[in-house]
Amino acid sequence: MSLNELETPVPVVDLAKVDANLKRMQDYCDTHGIKLWPHIKTHKIVEMAKRQLALGAEGLVCQKLTEAEVMLDAGCENILISYPMIGMEKARRLAAIAGKAKFTVAADSICAVDTLREAAEMSGAEIGVLVEFDSGMGRTGVVTPKEAYELAEMISDTDGLRFAGLMTYPSNENSVAFLKEVKPLLDAAGFGLPVFSGGGTPKAFHQHELGIVDQLRVGTYIYHDRNTVAAGAASLEDCALHVLATVISTPKPGHFVLDCGTKTLTSDPVAAPNKGHGLLVDYPEAVIERLTEEHGMVTLDPDLPAPRIGEKVLILPNHVCPVSNLHDQVAVRQRDGSFEFWDVSARGCTR
């Protein structure tokens, strides 16, 4: 089957580019003595996770318990859930799998630590805990070094839990300042700092410059997208996943419609001159201005070459992670040019 024989819309992955991206990041981490922990939320594919581990990744990062359950079934044995677990139902589910692998979980509150304590008690397995702090994103994470220290103290005093270190996203100069304040508190209490876990593909290749990162959590690097290209973390040639779509209507000059909308492409914005909802590889001046559920409305200067009805076009997504989660399978181009369909096994794993 050739590219033009694929039914659209469909995500198309170039395996040679994937492997090059994986090797580049692993080599970077190995060179700088940083442990690589790929975040599987980008691809959600068992075969991709196995490739990452085979190259030397220390473990896998999952965002939710359901993702961890899928990766466990694939034989992965070292898992970090970089998301706070809250409530008894989460404790029960974590307890059911805690003895099947080495688990570490992020926490930023007493409630989250209590949930992990319950899971450890029910399972009899030790659970590592990374205290998450906010480095400027305004999402999850404690906001003061005192809060981080107090959670570390609580974790260290709790049977079944192990203080595993600190975690933030993204790791940046704010992280350095935070660590400078909290580390003396941890050292004075005898806790030390087992691991400093940083993250973020856009600045991944500058993490060694911070001088603090022991563990790097990155996801988008496997495929890249318009945002990582705009951030300078990759080139257009490095991008390994595109959405193949078909032009289904050309109602007037300078306007055409694709068979992909919000059920195929992300609505996330991009930091690039040509905004829109994705980059048309062969028509870079075109702008995907609007999406409805099944339609992508594109504008283009009427004086420029435009695709015809029935023509298939490749689109580079703004943000590739949600695109993965919108599809049951991806078409993977093998090194010999043939295609295989791989299941997005952790698709919809949001709990």
Protein backbone atom coordinates (compact mmCIF):
# COMPACT_ATOMS: atom_id res chain seq x y z
CA MET A 1 0.00 0.00 0.00
CA SER A 2 1.31 3.44 -0.93
CA LEU A 3 0.67 6.74 0.85
CA ASN A 4 -1.99 7.75 -1.69
CA GLU A 5 -3.83 4.47 -1.16
CA LEU A 6 -4.42 5.17 2.53
CA GLU A 7 -7.97 6.08 3.45
CA THR A 8 -8.21 9.50 5.05
CA PRO A 9 -8.08 11.12 7.48
CA VAL A 10 -5.28 9.12 9.10
CA PRO A 11 -2.13 9.86 11.12
CA VAL A 12 0.96 8.71 9.21
CA VAL A 13 4.17 7.97 11.12
CA ASP A 14 7.63 7.71 9.56
CA LEU A 15 9.41 5.02 11.59
CA ALA A 16 12.89 6.00 10.40
CA LYS A 17 12.34 9.53 11.72
CA VAL A 18 10.94 8.15 14.98
CA ASP A 19 14.05 6.06 15.51
CA ALA A 20 16.31 9.01 14.73
CA ASN A 21 14.43 11.20 17.23
CA LEU A 22 14.59 8.52 19.91
CA LYS A 23 18.31 7.99 19.42
CA ARG A 24 19.07 11.70 19.44
CA MET A 25 17.36 12.21 22.82
CA GLN A 26 18.82 9.05 24.35
CA ASP A 27 22.32 10.01 23.20
CA TYR A 28 21.89 13.49 24.66
CA CYS A 29 20.83 12.10 28.04
CA ASP A 30 23.60 9.51 28.07
CA THR A 31 26.21 12.16 27.23
CA HIS A 32 25.13 14.36 30.14
CA GLY A 33 24.45 11.64 32.71
CA ILE A 34 20.69 12.25 32.74
CA LYS A 35 18.20 9.39 33.06
CA LEU A 36 15.64 9.49 30.25
CA TRP A 37 12.01 8.86 31.12
CA PRO A 38 9.84 9.09 27.97
CA HIS A 39 6.28 10.28 28.47
CA ILE A 40 4.01 7.86 26.63
CA LYS A 41 1.05 10.28 26.54
CA THR A 42 2.41 11.53 23.20
CA HIS A 43 2.17 8.23 21.32
CA LYS A 44 0.17 5.87 23.62
CA ILE A 45 1.52 2.94 21.59
CA VAL A 46 3.04 -0.20 23.14
CA GLU A 47 5.46 -0.76 20.25
CA MET A 48 6.81 2.79 20.58
CA ALA A 49 7.30 2.40 24.33
CA LYS A 50 9.26 -0.79 23.78
CA ARG A 51 11.55 1.01 21.32
CA GLN A 52 12.21 3.72 23.89
CA LEU A 53 13.06 1.20 26.58
CA ALA A 54 15.26 -0.83 24.25
CA LEU A 55 17.41 2.25 23.56
CA GLY A 56 18.10 2.76 27.26
CA ALA A 57 15.23 4.68 28.84
CA GLU A 58 15.17 4.01 32.60
CA GLY A 59 11.39 3.89 32.81
CA LEU A 60 8.17 5.22 31.35
CA VAL A 61 6.08 8.21 32.37
CA CYS A 62 2.29 7.93 32.33
CA GLN A 63 -0.17 10.69 33.06
CA LYS A 64 -3.03 8.55 34.30
CA LEU A 65 -3.54 5.14 35.91
CA THR A 66 -5.23 3.76 32.81
CA GLU A 67 -2.09 4.51 30.76
CA ALA A 68 -0.01 2.73 33.40
CA GLU A 69 -2.27 -0.29 33.21
CA VAL A 70 -1.74 -0.52 29.44
CA MET A 71 2.04 -0.20 29.76
CA LEU A 72 2.10 -2.86 32.50
CA ASP A 73 0.32 -5.26 30.19
CA ALA A 74 3.12 -4.57 27.71
CA GLY A 75 5.71 -5.72 30.25
CA CYS A 76 7.05 -2.34 31.41
CA GLU A 77 8.43 -2.59 34.95
CA ASN A 78 9.41 0.95 36.02
CA ILE A 79 6.62 3.53 35.85
CA LEU A 80 6.21 7.11 36.96
CA ILE A 81 2.71 8.56 37.12
CA SER A 82 3.38 12.29 36.89
CA TYR A 83 -0.07 13.28 38.09
CA PRO A 84 -1.57 13.47 41.60
CA MET A 85 -3.83 10.63 42.67
CA ILE A 86 -6.82 11.83 44.72
CA GLY A 87 -9.44 9.68 46.44
CA MET A 88 -10.14 6.14 47.54
CA GLU A 89 -11.02 4.82 44.09
CA LYS A 90 -7.62 5.90 42.77
CA ALA A 91 -5.98 4.32 45.83
CA ARG A 92 -7.73 0.99 45.15
CA ARG A 93 -6.74 0.98 41.49
CA LEU A 94 -3.13 1.88 42.24
CA ALA A 95 -3.02 -0.79 44.95
CA ALA A 96 -4.16 -3.39 42.41
CA ILE A 97 -1.08 -2.81 40.25
CA ALA A 98 1.48 -1.44 42.72
CA GLY A 99 3.14 -4.82 43.23
CA LYS A 100 3.51 -5.51 39.50
CA ALA A 101 6.18 -2.86 38.85
CA LYS A 102 8.28 -0.23 40.58
CA PHE A 103 5.93 2.74 40.93
CA THR A 104 6.62 6.39 41.57
CA VAL A 105 3.81 8.95 41.72
CA ALA A 106 3.78 12.75 41.85
CA ALA A 107 2.06 14.54 44.73
CA ASP A 108 1.58 18.18 45.68
CA SER A 109 -0.81 18.00 48.63
CA ILE A 110 -1.53 16.18 51.88
CA CYS A 111 -4.61 14.68 50.22
CA ALA A 112 -2.51 13.21 47.41
CA VAL A 113 -0.01 11.74 49.89
CA ASP A 114 -2.89 10.25 51.92
CA THR A 115 -4.20 8.56 48.75
CA LEU A 116 -0.79 7.02 48.12
CA ARG A 117 -0.56 5.92 51.77
CA GLU A 118 -3.88 4.09 51.37
CA ALA A 119 -2.62 2.40 48.19
CA ALA A 120 0.60 1.31 49.89
CA GLU A 121 -1.31 -0.10 52.87
CA MET A 122 -3.71 -2.05 50.65
CA SER A 123 -1.01 -3.42 48.35
CA GLY A 124 1.87 -3.97 50.77
CA ALA A 125 4.16 -2.52 48.11
CA GLU A 126 6.42 0.50 48.52
CA ILE A 127 5.47 3.53 46.43
CA GLY A 128 7.94 6.27 45.62
CA VAL A 129 6.66 9.84 45.78
CA LEU A 130 7.99 12.85 43.89
CA VAL A 131 6.97 16.18 45.39
CA GLU A 132 5.87 18.40 42.54
CA PHE A 133 6.44 22.16 42.62
CA ASP A 134 5.30 24.92 40.28
CA SER A 135 8.09 26.43 38.19
CA GLY A 136 5.87 29.06 36.60
CA MET A 137 3.22 27.22 34.61
CA GLY A 138 0.52 27.80 37.21
CA ARG A 139 -0.75 24.24 37.02
CA THR A 140 -0.18 21.60 39.71
CA GLY A 141 2.70 21.82 42.17
CA VAL A 142 3.39 23.44 45.54
CA VAL A 143 4.45 27.06 45.30
CA THR A 144 6.87 27.48 48.22
CA PRO A 145 10.00 25.58 49.31
CA LYS A 146 8.47 25.27 52.81
CA GLU A 147 5.47 23.39 51.39
CA ALA A 148 7.77 21.08 49.44
CA TYR A 149 9.82 20.34 52.54
CA GLU A 150 6.73 19.66 54.65
CA LEU A 151 5.41 17.15 52.11
CA ALA A 152 8.82 15.46 51.92
CA GLU A 153 8.76 15.17 55.71
CA MET A 154 5.26 13.68 55.67
CA ILE A 155 6.24 11.16 53.00
CA SER A 156 9.39 10.13 54.87
CA ASP A 157 7.36 9.56 58.04
CA THR A 158 4.74 7.41 56.29
CA ASP A 159 5.10 3.63 56.18
CA GLY A 160 5.01 2.25 52.65
CA LEU A 161 6.02 5.53 51.02
CA ARG A 162 9.49 6.64 49.93
CA PHE A 163 10.53 10.24 49.30
CA ALA A 164 11.84 9.96 45.74
CA GLY A 165 12.76 13.61 45.13
CA LEU A 166 11.34 16.71 43.47
CA MET A 167 9.55 17.14 40.15
CA THR A 168 8.49 20.10 38.02
CA TYR A 169 7.34 21.06 34.54
CA PRO A 170 8.91 22.74 32.76
CA SER A 171 12.37 22.67 34.32
CA ASN A 172 13.86 26.15 33.93
CA GLU A 173 15.73 28.91 35.77
CA ASN A 174 12.81 29.21 38.19
CA SER A 175 13.48 25.58 39.11
CA VAL A 176 17.09 26.41 39.96
CA ALA A 177 15.99 29.20 42.29
CA PHE A 178 13.40 26.97 43.99
CA LEU A 179 15.92 24.18 44.49
CA LYS A 180 18.46 26.58 45.99
CA GLU A 181 15.95 27.36 48.76
CA VAL A 182 14.52 23.91 49.42
CA LYS A 183 17.65 21.74 49.29
CA PRO A 184 19.19 23.07 52.54
CA LEU A 185 15.92 22.17 54.30
CA LEU A 186 15.97 18.66 52.88
CA ASP A 187 19.65 18.19 53.70
CA ALA A 188 19.24 19.42 57.28
CA ALA A 189 16.45 16.89 57.85
CA GLY A 190 18.56 14.07 56.40
CA PHE A 191 16.24 13.50 53.45
CA GLY A 192 18.66 14.72 50.78
CA LEU A 193 17.46 14.92 47.21
CA PRO A 194 17.39 11.46 45.58
CA VAL A 195 16.19 12.78 42.20
CA PHE A 196 15.41 16.08 40.54
CA SER A 197 12.93 15.30 37.74
CA GLY A 198 12.61 17.91 35.00
CA GLY A 199 10.62 17.92 31.82
CA GLY A 200 9.66 19.53 28.55
CA THR A 201 10.65 18.79 24.94
CA PRO A 202 10.99 22.45 23.79
CA LYS A 203 14.05 23.02 26.03
CA ALA A 204 15.11 19.40 26.39
CA PHE A 205 18.53 19.80 24.81
CA HIS A 206 19.42 22.59 27.23
CA GLN A 207 18.59 20.72 30.45
CA HIS A 208 22.23 20.01 31.29
CA GLU A 209 22.86 23.76 31.39
CA LEU A 210 20.65 24.05 34.49
CA GLY A 211 23.01 21.77 36.40
CA ILE A 212 20.22 20.22 38.48
CA VAL A 213 18.34 17.69 36.32
CA ASP A 214 18.89 14.00 37.09
CA GLN A 215 15.82 12.71 35.28
CA LEU A 216 14.26 14.06 32.09
CA ARG A 217 10.59 13.53 31.26
CA VAL A 218 9.85 14.24 27.58
CA GLY A 219 7.11 13.05 25.27
CA THR A 220 6.72 15.09 22.09
CA TYR A 221 10.33 14.43 21.02
CA ILE A 222 9.33 11.08 19.52
CA TYR A 223 7.26 12.77 16.78
CA HIS A 224 7.76 16.54 17.15
CA ASP A 225 5.17 19.04 15.91
CA ARG A 226 4.77 22.68 14.91
CA ASN A 227 5.27 23.85 18.48
CA THR A 228 8.59 22.05 19.01
CA VAL A 229 9.78 23.31 15.62
CA ALA A 230 8.80 26.86 16.58
CA ALA A 231 10.71 26.41 19.86
CA GLY A 232 13.85 25.38 17.98
CA ALA A 233 13.88 21.85 19.37
CA ALA A 234 13.47 20.26 15.93
CA SER A 235 13.34 20.98 12.22
CA LEU A 236 10.45 20.27 9.86
CA GLU A 237 12.50 17.32 8.56
CA ASP A 238 12.56 15.80 12.08
CA CYS A 239 8.76 15.65 12.32
CA ALA A 240 7.65 12.03 12.20
CA LEU A 241 3.84 12.24 12.39
CA HIS A 242 1.57 13.96 9.90
CA VAL A 243 -2.14 13.71 9.27
CA LEU A 244 -3.04 12.64 5.75
CA ALA A 245 -6.24 14.33 4.61
CA THR A 246 -8.23 14.70 1.40
CA VAL A 247 -9.54 17.86 -0.23
CA ILE A 248 -13.29 17.30 -0.40
CA SER A 249 -14.51 20.68 -1.66
CA THR A 250 -13.25 23.80 -3.44
CA PRO A 251 -16.30 26.08 -3.26
CA LYS A 252 -14.53 29.27 -4.33
CA PRO A 253 -11.05 30.54 -5.26
CA GLY A 254 -8.71 30.79 -2.29
CA HIS A 255 -10.80 28.42 -0.21
CA PHE A 256 -10.86 24.65 0.10
CA VAL A 257 -12.11 22.11 2.63
CA LEU A 258 -10.41 19.06 4.10
CA ASP A 259 -11.98 15.89 5.48
CA CYS A 260 -10.50 16.49 8.95
CA GLY A 261 -11.85 18.66 11.76
CA THR A 262 -11.78 18.69 15.55
CA LYS A 263 -12.17 14.90 15.62
CA THR A 264 -8.83 14.60 13.81
CA LEU A 265 -6.73 17.71 14.50
CA THR A 266 -6.11 19.55 17.74
CA SER A 267 -7.44 23.05 18.27
CA ASP A 268 -4.33 23.93 20.30
CA PRO A 269 -2.63 27.13 19.10
CA VAL A 270 0.92 27.39 17.77
CA ALA A 271 3.71 29.92 18.23
CA ALA A 272 4.44 30.28 14.51
CA PRO A 273 3.92 33.06 11.95
CA ASN A 274 1.40 30.99 9.99
CA LYS A 275 -1.16 30.33 12.71
CA GLY A 276 -4.04 28.04 11.87
CA HIS A 277 -4.66 24.47 13.01
CA GLY A 278 -1.74 22.77 11.27
CA LEU A 279 0.81 23.23 8.51
CA LEU A 280 0.09 21.87 5.03
CA VAL A 281 3.47 20.49 4.02
CA ASP A 282 3.11 21.06 0.27
CA TYR A 283 1.13 24.29 0.61
CA PRO A 284 2.90 26.14 3.44
CA GLU A 285 1.17 29.46 2.64
CA ALA A 286 -2.27 27.91 3.21
CA VAL A 287 -3.93 28.50 6.59
CA ILE A 288 -6.32 26.03 8.23
CA GLU A 289 -8.43 28.84 9.63
CA ARG A 290 -11.37 26.97 11.09
CA LEU A 291 -12.36 23.51 12.23
CA THR A 292 -15.76 21.95 12.77
CA GLU A 293 -16.19 18.33 13.79
CA GLU A 294 -15.45 16.81 10.37
CA HIS A 295 -14.31 19.76 8.27
CA GLY A 296 -11.12 21.78 8.01
CA MET A 297 -11.61 25.12 6.25
CA VAL A 298 -8.48 26.37 4.51
CA THR A 299 -7.67 29.72 2.93
CA LEU A 300 -4.94 30.43 0.40
CA ASP A 301 -4.05 33.37 -1.80
CA PRO A 302 -6.04 32.76 -5.02
CA ASP A 303 -2.93 33.54 -7.07
CA LEU A 304 -0.97 30.66 -5.49
CA PRO A 305 -1.15 27.00 -6.57
CA ALA A 306 -3.91 25.16 -4.74
CA PRO A 307 -4.83 21.49 -4.37
CA ARG A 308 -7.67 19.99 -6.39
CA ILE A 309 -10.68 18.03 -5.15
CA GLY A 310 -9.56 14.50 -4.36
CA GLU A 311 -5.93 15.46 -3.75
CA LYS A 312 -4.39 14.12 -0.57
CA VAL A 313 -2.31 16.47 1.58
CA LEU A 314 -0.04 16.03 4.60
CA ILE A 315 -0.63 18.20 7.67
CA LEU A 316 1.85 18.77 10.49
CA PRO A 317 -0.21 19.18 13.70
CA ASN A 318 0.31 22.10 16.05
CA HIS A 319 0.40 19.75 19.06
CA VAL A 320 0.79 16.08 18.31
CA CYS A 321 -0.23 14.56 21.68
CA PRO A 322 -3.99 15.19 21.40
CA VAL A 323 -3.91 14.03 17.78
CA SER A 324 -2.66 10.62 18.95
CA ASN A 325 -5.52 10.41 21.41
CA LEU A 326 -8.09 11.04 18.66
CA HIS A 327 -7.24 7.92 16.65
CA ASP A 328 -7.49 4.17 17.18
CA GLN A 329 -4.55 3.43 14.88
CA VAL A 330 -1.69 5.11 13.09
CA ALA A 331 -0.27 4.11 9.70
CA VAL A 332 3.43 3.44 10.26
CA ARG A 333 5.71 3.71 7.27
CA GLN A 334 8.38 1.02 7.54
CA ARG A 335 11.92 1.45 6.28
CA ASP A 336 11.06 -0.41 3.06
CA GLY A 337 8.24 2.05 2.33
CA SER A 338 5.41 -0.31 3.24
CA PHE A 339 2.78 0.55 5.85
CA GLU A 340 1.64 -1.23 8.99
CA PHE A 341 -1.23 -0.17 11.23
CA TRP A 342 -0.33 0.06 14.92
CA ASP A 343 -2.96 0.31 17.64
CA VAL A 344 -2.98 3.40 19.84
CA SER A 345 -3.47 1.09 22.81
CA ALA A 346 -3.76 3.76 25.50
CA ARG A 347 -6.15 5.96 23.53
CA GLY A 348 -8.83 7.47 25.74
CA CYS A 349 -6.99 6.55 28.94
CA THR A 350 -8.00 9.65 30.85
CA ARG A 351 -8.77 8.21 34.32
